[in-house]
C-alpha atoms as a PDB file:
ATOM      1  CA  UNK A   1      65.364 120.950 114.486  1.00  0.00           C
ATOM      2  CA  UNK A   2      67.010 122.965 111.742  1.00  0.00           C
ATOM      3  CA  UNK A   3      70.705 122.417 110.978  1.00  0.00           C
ATOM      4  CA  UNK A   4      71.518 126.021 110.181  1.00  0.00           C
ATOM      5  CA  UNK A   5      70.033 129.481 109.780  1.00  0.00           C
ATOM      6  CA  UNK A   6      71.282 131.597 106.877  1.00  0.00           C
ATOM      7  CA  UNK A   7      70.918 135.364 106.578  1.00  0.00           C
ATOM      8  CA  UNK A   8      71.595 137.366 103.417  1.00  0.00           C
ATOM      9  CA  UNK A   9      73.535 140.338 104.770  1.00  0.00           C
ATOM     10  CA  UNK A  10      73.820 142.277 101.503  1.00  0.00           C
ATOM     11  CA  UNK A  11      76.645 142.783  99.052  1.00  0.00           C
ATOM     12  CA  UNK A  12      76.397 139.170  97.843  1.00  0.00           C
ATOM     13  CA  UNK A  13      77.329 137.896 101.315  1.00  0.00           C
ATOM     14  CA  UNK A  14      75.578 135.427 103.625  1.00  0.00           C
ATOM     15  CA  UNK A  15      76.061 134.496 107.254  1.00  0.00           C
ATOM     16  CA  UNK A  16      75.245 130.920 108.259  1.00  0.00           C
ATOM     17  CA  UNK A  17      74.844 129.892 111.889  1.00  0.00           C
ATOM     18  CA  UNK A  18      75.083 126.250 112.951  1.00  0.00           C
ATOM     19  CA  UNK A  19      72.036 126.041 115.191  1.00  0.00           C
ATOM     20  CA  UNK A  20      73.384 123.500 117.704  1.00  0.00           C
ATOM     21  CA  UNK A  21      76.801 125.112 118.292  1.00  0.00           C
ATOM     22  CA  UNK A  22      76.298 128.741 117.306  1.00  0.00           C
ATOM     23  CA  UNK A  23      79.384 128.634 115.024  1.00  0.00           C
ATOM     24  CA  UNK A  24      79.213 130.962 112.021  1.00  0.00           C
ATOM     25  CA  UNK A  25      80.390 130.729 108.417  1.00  0.00           C
ATOM     26  CA  UNK A  26      80.384 133.714 106.063  1.00  0.00           C
ATOM     27  CA  UNK A  27      80.195 133.304 102.297  1.00  0.00           C
ATOM     28  CA  UNK A  28      80.908 135.798  99.536  1.00  0.00           C
ATOM     29  CA  UNK A  29      80.247 135.588  95.842  1.00  0.00           C
ATOM     30  CA  UNK A  30      83.533 134.994  94.007  1.00  0.00           C
ATOM     31  CA  UNK A  31      85.240 137.817  92.118  1.00  0.00           C
ATOM     32  CA  UNK A  32      84.473 136.146  88.782  1.00  0.00           C
ATOM     33  CA  UNK A  33      80.764 136.211  89.642  1.00  0.00           C
ATOM     34  CA  UNK A  34      80.266 139.836  90.796  1.00  0.00           C
ATOM     35  CA  UNK A  35      81.488 139.305  94.360  1.00  0.00           C
ATOM     36  CA  UNK A  36      84.332 140.449  96.562  1.00  0.00           C
ATOM     37  CA  UNK A  37      85.808 136.977  97.073  1.00  0.00           C
ATOM     38  CA  UNK A  38      86.631 137.833 100.688  1.00  0.00           C
ATOM     39  CA  UNK A  39      85.346 134.510 102.060  1.00  0.00           C
ATOM     40  CA  UNK A  40      84.455 131.025 100.907  1.00  0.00           C
ATOM     41  CA  UNK A  41      81.922 131.029  98.094  1.00  0.00           C
ATOM     42  CA  UNK A  42      79.037 128.544  98.318  1.00  0.00           C
ATOM     43  CA  UNK A  43      80.725 126.377  95.670  1.00  0.00           C
ATOM     44  CA  UNK A  44      84.029 126.592  97.605  1.00  0.00           C
ATOM     45  CA  UNK A  45      82.169 125.153 100.589  1.00  0.00           C
ATOM     46  CA  UNK A  46      80.733 122.378  98.438  1.00  0.00           C
ATOM     47  CA  UNK A  47      84.213 121.320  97.292  1.00  0.00           C
ATOM     48  CA  UNK A  48      85.744 121.830 100.737  1.00  0.00           C
ATOM     49  CA  UNK A  49      83.019 119.689 102.285  1.00  0.00           C
ATOM     50  CA  UNK A  50      84.285 116.745 100.262  1.00  0.00           C
ATOM     51  CA  UNK A  51      87.773 117.097 101.769  1.00  0.00           C
ATOM     52  CA  UNK A  52      86.353 117.602 105.278  1.00  0.00           C
ATOM     53  CA  UNK A  53      84.153 114.542 104.942  1.00  0.00           C
ATOM     54  CA  UNK A  54      86.977 112.383 103.601  1.00  0.00           C
ATOM     55  CA  UNK A  55      89.295 113.231 106.496  1.00  0.00           C
ATOM     56  CA  UNK A  56      86.499 112.755 109.038  1.00  0.00           C
ATOM     57  CA  UNK A  57      85.498 109.320 107.721  1.00  0.00           C
ATOM     58  CA  UNK A  58      89.143 108.243 107.434  1.00  0.00           C
ATOM     59  CA  UNK A  59      89.622 109.407 111.035  1.00  0.00           C
ATOM     60  CA  UNK A  60      86.698 107.243 112.158  1.00  0.00           C
ATOM     61  CA  UNK A  61      88.128 104.251 110.272  1.00  0.00           C
ATOM     62  CA  UNK A  62      91.596 104.873 111.706  1.00  0.00           C
ATOM     63  CA  UNK A  63      90.186 104.952 115.249  1.00  0.00           C
ATOM     64  CA  UNK A  64      88.234 101.745 114.585  1.00  0.00           C
ATOM     65  CA  UNK A  65      91.308  99.940 113.228  1.00  0.00           C
ATOM     66  CA  UNK A  66      93.793 101.292 115.750  1.00  0.00           C
ATOM     67  CA  UNK A  67      95.995 103.644 113.760  1.00  0.00           C
ATOM     68  CA  UNK A  68      96.445 107.413 113.700  1.00  0.00           C
ATOM     69  CA  UNK A  69      96.079 110.054 110.989  1.00  0.00           C
ATOM     70  CA  UNK A  70      96.532 113.137 113.186  1.00  0.00           C
ATOM     71  CA  UNK A  71      98.045 115.929 111.107  1.00  0.00           C
ATOM     72  CA  UNK A  72      96.592 114.662 107.811  1.00  0.00           C
ATOM     73  CA  UNK A  73      95.632 117.451 105.412  1.00  0.00           C
ATOM     74  CA  UNK A  74      93.531 117.881 102.287  1.00  0.00           C
ATOM     75  CA  UNK A  75      94.294 120.402  99.577  1.00  0.00           C
ATOM     76  CA  UNK A  76      91.125 121.142  97.600  1.00  0.00           C
ATOM     77  CA  UNK A  77      90.871 122.569  94.087  1.00  0.00           C
ATOM     78  CA  UNK A  78      87.471 123.420  92.633  1.00  0.00           C
ATOM     79  CA  UNK A  79      86.994 123.629  88.861  1.00  0.00           C
ATOM     80  CA  UNK A  80      83.985 125.525  87.518  1.00  0.00           C
ATOM     81  CA  UNK A  81      82.177 125.004  84.222  1.00  0.00           C
ATOM     82  CA  UNK A  82      79.843 127.338  82.356  1.00  0.00           C
ATOM     83  CA  UNK A  83      76.353 126.952  80.899  1.00  0.00           C
ATOM     84  CA  UNK A  84      75.120 126.160  83.352  1.00  0.00           C
ATOM     85  CA  UNK A  85      77.593 127.587  85.840  1.00  0.00           C
ATOM     86  CA  UNK A  86      78.422 124.697  88.140  1.00  0.00           C
ATOM     87  CA  UNK A  87      81.194 122.768  89.849  1.00  0.00           C
ATOM     88  CA  UNK A  88      82.481 120.357  87.219  1.00  0.00           C
ATOM     89  CA  UNK A  89      85.497 118.889  89.009  1.00  0.00           C
ATOM     90  CA  UNK A  90      86.924 118.641  92.503  1.00  0.00           C
ATOM     91  CA  UNK A  91      90.553 117.694  93.039  1.00  0.00           C
ATOM     92  CA  UNK A  92      91.568 116.534  96.499  1.00  0.00           C
ATOM     93  CA  UNK A  93      95.204 115.954  97.415  1.00  0.00           C
ATOM     94  CA  UNK A  94      95.271 114.068 100.704  1.00  0.00           C
ATOM     95  CA  UNK A  95      98.538 114.133 102.650  1.00  0.00           C
ATOM     96  CA  UNK A  96      99.110 111.770 105.541  1.00  0.00           C
ATOM     97  CA  UNK A  97     101.877 112.151 108.127  1.00  0.00           C
ATOM     98  CA  UNK A  98     104.888 109.877 107.772  1.00  0.00           C
ATOM     99  CA  UNK A  99     103.629 106.936 109.745  1.00  0.00           C
ATOM    100  CA  UNK A 100     104.730 103.863 107.777  1.00  0.00           C
ATOM    101  CA  UNK A 101     101.142 102.785 107.121  1.00  0.00           C
ATOM    102  CA  UNK A 102     100.732  99.111 106.286  1.00  0.00           C
ATOM    103  CA  UNK A 103      99.218  98.056 102.958  1.00  0.00           C
ATOM    104  CA  UNK A 104      95.991  97.197 104.821  1.00  0.00           C
ATOM    105  CA  UNK A 105      95.878 100.628 106.512  1.00  0.00           C
ATOM    106  CA  UNK A 106      96.421 102.360 103.171  1.00  0.00           C
ATOM    107  CA  UNK A 107      93.568 100.330 101.704  1.00  0.00           C
ATOM    108  CA  UNK A 108      91.321 101.314 104.633  1.00  0.00           C
ATOM    109  CA  UNK A 109      92.268 104.986 104.166  1.00  0.00           C
ATOM    110  CA  UNK A 110      91.584 104.988 100.423  1.00  0.00           C
ATOM    111  CA  UNK A 111      88.323 103.024 100.642  1.00  0.00           C
ATOM    112  CA  UNK A 112      87.048 105.189 103.526  1.00  0.00           C
ATOM    113  CA  UNK A 113      87.870 108.447 101.758  1.00  0.00           C
ATOM    114  CA  UNK A 114      86.215 107.425  98.489  1.00  0.00           C
ATOM    115  CA  UNK A 115      83.030 106.262 100.219  1.00  0.00           C
ATOM    116  CA  UNK A 116      82.345 109.241 102.481  1.00  0.00           C
ATOM    117  CA  UNK A 117      78.749 110.577 102.550  1.00  0.00           C
ATOM    118  CA  UNK A 118      79.590 113.786 100.666  1.00  0.00           C
ATOM    119  CA  UNK A 119      81.226 111.798  97.848  1.00  0.00           C
ATOM    120  CA  UNK A 120      78.040 109.735  97.554  1.00  0.00           C
ATOM    121  CA  UNK A 121      75.898 112.896  97.679  1.00  0.00           C
ATOM    122  CA  UNK A 122      77.600 114.718  94.799  1.00  0.00           C
ATOM    123  CA  UNK A 123      76.164 114.380  91.308  1.00  0.00           C
ATOM    124  CA  UNK A 124      77.982 111.674  89.344  1.00  0.00           C
ATOM    125  CA  UNK A 125      78.798 114.195  86.579  1.00  0.00           C
ATOM    126  CA  UNK A 126      81.147 116.001  88.988  1.00  0.00           C
ATOM    127  CA  UNK A 127      84.591 114.555  88.357  1.00  0.00           C
ATOM    128  CA  UNK A 128      86.417 113.692  91.566  1.00  0.00           C
ATOM    129  CA  UNK A 129      90.202 113.365  91.281  1.00  0.00           C
ATOM    130  CA  UNK A 130      91.632 112.063  94.552  1.00  0.00           C
ATOM    131  CA  UNK A 131      95.362 111.707  95.239  1.00  0.00           C
ATOM    132  CA  UNK A 132      96.722 109.930  98.306  1.00  0.00           C
ATOM    133  CA  UNK A 133     100.173 110.943  99.558  1.00  0.00           C
ATOM    134  CA  UNK A 134     101.634 108.752 102.294  1.00  0.00           C
END
């Protein structure tokens, strides 16, 4: 079964439907690449996926080890390079709610975040700068 179905709707915009749930994501080309920038660009989604994956995997680890990260956030910054045009760096600032995490819990959080599937799937030339704020 397919994961998603993507339709080019014109004007440098796509609509992607998650087949199982029916949820939709719209993308636009960024302003600096002939687009309107009115939605996530495909490269925005790439960078954002890293933050989503990190928080998801940390959430799984937190559940497994009996602590809570509810309210944690990730601030994502994507850096583009030219020739070829590509994502060259992703900066993720992870913020965890004041919870007095133990040293072991902090270690679990950091290890889990750095070893999420998206992090392993990105090309090693993409610099990943991750900051943990407890």
